[in-house]
Amino acid sequence: MTDNEVLAWIRLQRIPGVGPINGRKLLQYFGDVQNIFNQSVRDLVQLAGVGPVMAERMLNHNYQKEAENQYRRIRREGIRCLPLSDQAYPELLRECPDAPLILYQKGPLSFSGRCLLSIVGTRSMTDYGRRVCEQLIKALIPYNPVIISGLAYGIDILAQRTALKWGLDTVSCLGHGLDTIYPRSHAKYVPEILHKGALLSEFGLGMPPEPMNFVRRNRIIAGLAPATVVIESGPKGGSLITADLAFGYDREVFAVPGRSTDRFSSGCNLLIGQQKAQLLCSPEQLAETLQWTAAPLNSEKFIPRTWSQPQGRLTIEEARICEFLASNGIQLLDEIAVGCVLTVRETAAMLFQLEMKEIIRPHPGKRFELLL
């Protein structure tokens, strides 16, 4: 694709009122994105939905200047511009009628031929949600999926951190330009995400994280993958919006069930009750539904990232404790001792050493958590 073609796509997307659906109509009518800007006002208004004001706006050269400035900036920042017609544009997302006219991507990930899975959930996750999320992703390692989420607090960032921990690629879909990160506290995860994964947004550089942008962002999370998993959600919120969008795109939707009295599971239970989501019983159910095939693994690749950091080598017993906490979430001292076949005294001493190495975190009541 030539620079002039890319500039024409950027210009088209920046014109107020030309959204994804109107943009596709224009492309179908005039055949080529550059050809749109060679028309007269009279030609443009022949298309349904384009009035005189919109036609004048489309031919305003100020948007060409904006496109040129944007293109210079993204090239300087190492960001790829993927128009809808680009071969690298994610295939499944392109099928959605409201797919963005342009995606901006930072990071080397290619979507072609990969197993893709979107995972979303509440920002206020419980220990139950944490355990389910971590165990699900760990169990899916043999399929080498790309984990897609929104970099938000709670389940979103946990899913992406867990993917990174086990050597899986992950994609963060953002509700703002790629020149900023929201929330700012999650910027520390970006270098590792960009190592093999990607940041993705339909918004140009300079777009701030405004509330409505995140609603628009949710359709990208829903459209990129053949399936979306919802892990804990209240009766309202972004996770349910994403699930509804995925359902509307005729994608698979899975929801993790919870107790009827648990408000953090009410949204998931609602999706299941409305038959918008399958009740997720096991990772194997998900893989079978999506017809994923397990690939041979390099076992070294999936050593937890935290355990291989330079805090010093772990003993066999310390590694066993880490494995137990990775599989079971926050646990009591006595439960760790029983699960790892150690005495309480031995376990307490090893937990202290792991805490000094910043591998685990203590909680009140002699409870301990593995840090990702």
Foldseek 3Di string as FASTA:
>chain_A
DDPVLLLLLQLQQPQPPRALQNVVQLCVVQVGSVSSLVDALVVQCVRPPQDSVNSVSSNDCVSSVVSVVLVVVCVVVQKDKAALPRPQPQPQLNLDSRRGRIKIKFADEGLPPAAEEEEDADLDDDLVLLLVLLQLLVVCVLLLHEYEAALHHDSRVSNVLSCLQQQHAYEHQYLFAPVADPPNVSPVCVVSNRHHYIYMYSYTPPGDNDPVSVLVSLLCSLRNHLEYEYRWQALDDSSLSSLVSNLVSVGAYEYAADDPPDRRRVNSVVCVVVVSHHHDDGSVVVCVVVVGDGDDDDVVSRNGPLQPPPLDHDDPLLVLLLVVQSNNPKDALVVSCVSSVHDSVVSVVSVVVCVVSVQKDADPPRIIHGDD
